[in-house]
Protein backbone atom coordinates (compact mmCIF):
# COMPACT_ATOMS: atom_id res chain seq x y z
CA MET A 1 -46.09 -59.07 -11.36
CA ASN A 2 -42.99 -61.12 -12.03
CA TYR A 3 -40.48 -59.56 -9.64
CA ARG A 4 -37.53 -61.50 -11.06
CA ALA A 5 -38.12 -59.89 -14.42
CA ALA A 6 -38.66 -56.46 -12.89
CA ILE A 7 -35.57 -56.42 -10.67
CA LYS A 8 -32.34 -55.77 -12.52
CA PRO A 9 -29.39 -55.89 -10.10
CA ASP A 10 -26.60 -53.44 -10.82
CA ALA A 11 -22.86 -54.02 -10.36
CA THR A 12 -22.92 -52.89 -6.74
CA SER A 13 -25.75 -55.29 -5.96
CA TRP A 14 -23.87 -58.19 -7.55
CA PHE A 15 -20.75 -57.25 -5.59
CA HIS A 16 -22.69 -57.43 -2.33
CA VAL A 17 -24.16 -60.77 -3.37
CA ALA A 18 -20.61 -62.05 -3.96
CA ILE A 19 -19.51 -60.89 -0.52
CA ALA A 20 -22.54 -62.59 1.03
CA TYR A 21 -21.69 -65.85 -0.74
CA ILE A 22 -18.11 -65.64 0.54
CA SER A 23 -19.45 -65.12 4.07
CA LEU A 24 -21.64 -68.18 3.64
CA GLY A 25 -18.71 -70.31 2.48
CA ARG A 26 -20.04 -70.60 -1.08
CA PRO A 27 -17.11 -69.48 -3.25
CA ALA A 28 -18.40 -70.97 -6.51
CA GLU A 29 -21.50 -68.79 -6.30
CA ALA A 30 -19.34 -65.82 -5.27
CA ILE A 31 -17.24 -66.24 -8.42
CA LYS A 32 -20.38 -66.06 -10.55
CA ALA A 33 -21.53 -62.94 -8.71
CA TYR A 34 -18.11 -61.29 -9.08
CA GLU A 35 -18.23 -62.10 -12.80
CA GLN A 36 -21.69 -60.50 -13.02
CA THR A 37 -20.29 -57.43 -11.25
CA LEU A 38 -17.46 -57.15 -13.75
CA ALA A 39 -19.77 -57.78 -16.72
CA GLN A 40 -21.79 -54.74 -15.68
CA ASP A 41 -18.84 -52.65 -14.51
CA PRO A 42 -15.43 -53.74 -15.87
CA ASN A 43 -13.82 -50.99 -13.79
CA HIS A 44 -15.00 -52.37 -10.44
CA ALA A 45 -11.53 -52.78 -8.96
CA PHE A 46 -12.56 -54.42 -5.70
CA ALA A 47 -14.59 -57.08 -7.52
CA MET A 48 -11.61 -57.93 -9.68
CA PHE A 49 -9.19 -58.17 -6.77
CA ASP A 50 -11.69 -60.17 -4.70
CA LEU A 51 -12.31 -62.52 -7.63
CA GLY A 52 -8.59 -63.24 -7.77
CA GLY A 53 -8.56 -63.82 -4.02
CA THR A 54 -11.44 -66.24 -4.27
CA TYR A 55 -9.61 -68.27 -6.90
CA TRP A 56 -6.48 -68.17 -4.73
CA ASN A 57 -8.38 -69.44 -1.69
CA LEU A 58 -9.85 -72.25 -3.77
CA GLY A 59 -6.32 -73.32 -4.74
CA ASP A 60 -6.58 -72.22 -8.38
CA ARG A 61 -3.32 -70.27 -8.34
CA GLU A 62 -3.15 -69.99 -12.13
CA LYS A 63 -6.57 -68.34 -12.44
CA ALA A 64 -5.87 -66.13 -9.41
CA LEU A 65 -2.62 -64.95 -10.96
CA GLU A 66 -4.35 -64.23 -14.27
CA VAL A 67 -7.06 -62.15 -12.59
CA TRP A 68 -4.67 -60.37 -10.23
CA LEU A 69 -2.22 -59.44 -12.98
CA LYS A 70 -5.06 -57.96 -14.98
CA ALA A 71 -6.29 -56.08 -11.89
CA CYS A 72 -2.83 -54.74 -11.02
CA LYS A 73 -2.29 -53.57 -14.59
CA ARG A 74 -5.71 -51.91 -14.82
CA PHE A 75 -5.69 -50.40 -11.32
CA PRO A 76 -2.02 -49.78 -10.38
CA GLU A 77 -2.91 -47.25 -7.69
CA ASN A 78 -5.43 -49.51 -5.92
CA GLU A 79 -4.77 -50.27 -2.27
CA ASN A 80 -4.91 -54.03 -3.00
CA VAL A 81 -1.86 -54.06 -5.29
CA GLY A 82 0.52 -54.23 -2.32
CA SER A 83 -1.39 -57.13 -0.78
CA VAL A 84 -1.35 -59.04 -4.06
CA MET A 85 2.38 -58.48 -4.49
CA ALA A 86 3.03 -59.64 -0.93
CA CYS A 87 0.85 -62.72 -1.43
CA LEU A 88 2.76 -63.61 -4.59
CA GLY A 89 6.13 -62.90 -2.97
CA TRP A 90 6.99 -59.98 -5.30
């Protein structure tokens, strides 16, 4: 049996993969996993905020701002909005 073909990770699985990559110091792979999370579940708020944070930590402020603005607009009541605003000096 081809297990790769049989296993279909869901959004939560991809989110955990992204977190694991961050823990391993592999942000490029984490970005891909966050993107997979959001492809399967566009309403996964934590993935979107974490994706922005990963771009920020990599020094890509423009991409981080783009992702964070989208996240803040989509999820205005999320607990991460305050952190994003503080990080951006708003």
